[in-house]
Structures are given as structure tokens and as C-alpha cells.
N, C-alpha and C. Protein backbone atom coordinates (compact mmCIF):
# COMPACT_ATOMS: atom_id res chain seq x y z
N MET A 1 92.92 90.87 82.19
CA MET A 1 93.05 91.94 82.86
C MET A 1 93.82 93.02 82.19
N ASP A 2 93.67 94.11 81.70
CA ASP A 2 94.15 95.03 81.47
C ASP A 2 95.13 96.10 82.30
N ARG A 3 95.79 96.94 81.83
CA ARG A 3 96.72 97.47 82.41
C ARG A 3 96.22 98.33 83.88
N ARG A 4 94.90 98.85 83.79
CA ARG A 4 94.48 99.48 84.93
C ARG A 4 94.30 98.44 85.74
N ASP A 5 93.71 97.43 85.42
CA ASP A 5 93.52 96.18 86.58
C ASP A 5 95.19 95.67 87.17
N HIS A 6 96.23 95.97 86.59
CA HIS A 6 97.40 95.58 86.59
C HIS A 6 97.77 96.65 87.60
N LEU A 7 97.50 97.60 87.36
CA LEU A 7 97.66 99.05 88.35
C LEU A 7 97.37 99.01 89.53
N ILE A 8 95.96 98.83 89.64
CA ILE A 8 95.25 98.75 90.76
C ILE A 8 95.95 97.63 91.83
N LEU A 9 96.08 96.33 91.37
CA LEU A 9 96.84 95.34 91.85
C LEU A 9 98.05 95.71 92.34
N ALA A 10 98.79 96.09 91.82
CA ALA A 10 100.10 96.63 92.25
C ALA A 10 99.95 97.70 93.42
N LEU A 11 99.30 98.70 93.30
CA LEU A 11 99.08 99.72 94.37
C LEU A 11 98.58 98.95 95.60
N CYS A 12 97.64 97.96 95.20
CA CYS A 12 96.96 97.36 96.66
C CYS A 12 98.28 96.61 97.39
N ALA A 13 99.01 95.64 96.62
CA ALA A 13 100.15 95.09 97.24
C ALA A 13 101.03 96.06 97.85
N LEU A 14 101.31 97.24 97.25
CA LEU A 14 102.22 98.18 97.85
C LEU A 14 101.57 98.69 99.12
N LEU A 15 100.18 99.05 99.11
CA LEU A 15 100.07 99.54 100.24
C LEU A 15 99.65 98.55 101.80
N ARG A 16 99.14 97.07 101.27
CA ARG A 16 99.54 96.19 102.11
C ARG A 16 100.94 96.12 102.89
N ALA A 17 102.14 96.27 101.77
CA ALA A 17 103.21 96.13 102.30
C ALA A 17 103.77 97.16 103.23
N GLU A 18 103.16 97.94 103.11
CA GLU A 18 103.63 99.38 103.74
C GLU A 18 102.74 99.51 105.17
N ARG A 19 101.45 99.11 104.92
CA ARG A 19 100.54 98.78 106.56
C ARG A 19 101.44 97.62 107.35
N GLN A 20 101.90 96.81 106.49
CA GLN A 20 102.41 95.59 107.50
C GLN A 20 103.93 95.93 108.22
N THR A 21 104.61 96.72 107.34
CA THR A 21 106.11 97.24 107.65
C THR A 21 105.74 98.26 108.81
N ARG A 22 104.25 98.96 108.74
CA ARG A 22 104.57 99.97 109.72
C ARG A 22 103.83 99.36 110.91
N ALA A 23 103.03 98.31 110.91
CA ALA A 23 102.45 97.59 111.96
C ALA A 23 103.78 96.85 112.55
N ALA A 24 104.82 96.00 112.16
CA ALA A 24 106.03 95.25 112.64
C ALA A 24 106.84 96.50 113.16
N PHE A 25 106.94 97.47 112.58
CA PHE A 25 107.74 98.71 113.47
C PHE A 25 107.10 99.34 114.68
N GLU A 26 105.84 99.40 114.72
CA GLU A 26 105.17 99.76 115.71
C GLU A 26 105.32 98.46 117.07
N ALA A 27 105.15 97.48 116.44
CA ALA A 27 105.46 96.34 117.46
C ALA A 27 106.77 96.12 118.14
N VAL A 28 107.50 96.67 117.23
CA VAL A 28 109.01 96.50 118.03
C VAL A 28 109.25 97.53 118.86
N VAL A 29 108.69 98.77 118.45
CA VAL A 29 109.04 99.78 119.28
C VAL A 29 108.24 99.66 120.77
N ALA A 30 106.99 99.23 120.59
CA ALA A 30 106.32 98.94 121.70
C ALA A 30 106.80 97.83 122.63
N ALA A 31 107.57 97.07 121.80
CA ALA A 31 108.07 96.02 123.03
C ALA A 31 109.20 96.38 123.54
N GLY A 32 109.95 97.70 122.83
CA GLY A 32 111.49 98.25 123.43
C GLY A 32 112.50 97.22 122.67
N ARG A 33 112.30 96.84 121.56
CA ARG A 33 113.23 95.78 121.07
C ARG A 33 113.84 96.11 119.70
N LEU A 34 113.99 97.55 119.71
CA LEU A 34 114.75 98.06 118.28
C LEU A 34 115.74 98.51 118.33
N SER A 35 116.53 97.20 117.89
CA SER A 35 118.29 97.11 117.60
C SER A 35 118.28 97.45 115.94
N ARG A 36 119.56 97.63 116.27
CA ARG A 36 119.96 97.91 114.68
C ARG A 36 119.24 96.90 113.82
N GLU A 37 119.92 95.53 114.14
CA GLU A 37 119.39 94.63 112.99
C GLU A 37 118.00 94.45 112.95
N THR A 38 117.39 94.79 113.89
CA THR A 38 115.42 94.66 113.86
C THR A 38 115.17 95.69 112.62
N LEU A 39 115.84 97.03 113.31
CA LEU A 39 115.28 98.08 112.35
C LEU A 39 115.82 97.78 110.81
N ARG A 40 117.10 97.16 110.71
CA ARG A 40 117.66 96.91 109.11
C ARG A 40 116.73 95.86 108.58
N ALA A 41 116.16 94.84 109.16
CA ALA A 41 115.17 94.04 108.79
C ALA A 41 113.92 94.38 108.53
N ILE A 42 113.60 95.20 109.18
CA ILE A 42 112.17 95.91 108.81
C ILE A 42 112.13 96.86 107.75
N LEU A 43 113.37 97.65 107.40
CA LEU A 43 113.65 98.36 106.41
C LEU A 43 113.81 97.71 104.80
N ILE A 44 114.57 96.46 105.10
CA ILE A 44 114.46 95.89 103.84
C ILE A 44 113.67 94.70 103.49
N ASP A 45 112.63 94.72 104.29
CA ASP A 45 111.42 93.64 104.19
C ASP A 45 111.03 93.70 102.75
N PRO A 46 111.03 92.66 101.84
CA PRO A 46 110.26 92.69 100.61
C PRO A 46 108.79 92.99 100.59
N VAL A 47 108.58 93.51 99.52
CA VAL A 47 107.27 93.79 99.34
C VAL A 47 106.44 92.26 99.12
N PRO A 48 105.40 92.06 99.60
CA PRO A 48 104.71 90.39 99.47
C PRO A 48 104.04 90.08 98.18
N VAL A 49 104.11 89.29 97.97
CA VAL A 49 103.35 89.09 96.84
C VAL A 49 101.83 88.93 96.53
N THR A 50 101.08 89.54 95.50
CA THR A 50 99.66 89.58 95.37
C THR A 50 98.88 88.11 95.83
N THR A 51 98.06 88.53 96.55
CA THR A 51 97.41 87.51 97.21
C THR A 51 95.88 87.47 96.36
N GLN A 52 95.18 86.43 96.89
CA GLN A 52 93.84 86.49 96.47
C GLN A 52 92.63 87.38 96.88
N ASP A 53 93.26 87.90 97.90
CA ASP A 53 92.42 89.05 98.62
C ASP A 53 92.75 90.30 98.15
N ASP A 54 94.08 90.46 97.89
CA ASP A 54 94.14 91.73 96.83
C ASP A 54 93.81 91.61 95.39
N LEU A 55 93.46 90.63 94.92
CA LEU A 55 92.79 90.27 93.67
C LEU A 55 91.36 90.86 93.76
N MET A 56 90.86 90.12 94.68
CA MET A 56 88.92 90.38 95.38
C MET A 56 89.21 91.94 95.40
N ARG A 57 89.90 92.69 96.21
CA ARG A 57 89.77 94.01 96.51
C ARG A 57 89.96 95.04 95.16
N ALA A 58 91.11 94.51 94.54
CA ALA A 58 91.18 95.12 92.96
C ALA A 58 89.88 95.13 92.46
N GLU A 59 89.16 93.81 92.24
CA GLU A 59 87.84 93.93 91.47
C GLU A 59 86.74 94.83 91.65
N ARG A 60 86.90 94.87 93.21
CA ARG A 60 85.56 95.45 93.96
C ARG A 60 86.20 97.06 93.57
N LEU A 61 87.42 97.16 93.74
CA LEU A 61 87.74 98.74 93.44
C LEU A 61 87.50 99.44 91.88
N ALA A 62 87.58 98.32 91.07
CA ALA A 62 87.59 98.36 89.56
C ALA A 62 85.99 98.80 89.32
N GLU A 63 85.04 97.95 90.09
CA GLU A 63 83.59 98.01 89.54
C GLU A 63 83.04 99.10 90.25
N ALA A 64 83.53 99.81 91.25
CA ALA A 64 83.10 100.88 91.86
C ALA A 64 83.45 102.14 91.36
N ALA A 65 84.77 101.97 90.11
CA ALA A 65 85.39 103.07 89.52
C ALA A 65 84.35 103.57 88.17
């Protein structure tokens, strides 16, 4: 893997983390359970590690470029 591949993987992981955080926030708000502790937990949630799905997605993106 070259630097471009690593960049694609990192961007895919970041996008996935942002989508998961947004979904969690929406679910908490919809359930009416937005406490200070819940909001803090959502905001400091770590970025998940790269998964096999991320690798496959990155490979498809690299092939299309």
C-alpha cells in the first residue's frame, strides 16, 4: 500500500466515525435522553479502527480513480 491508499483508508475511517457519531446523537435526541453525560460521551467517542469493510471500500475507490 502506498501513501495514497493510507490516506483513503484514513478518510474512510474518519467519515464512518462521523456518521456513527451523528447517528448516535440523532438517536439520543429523538429518545429525549440528551443529558450532559450522554452528550459528553458522544463528543469524546474515539474514532473506530479501520475495518475490512473500510479496506474493501478504499480499494474500490482507488480502482475507480
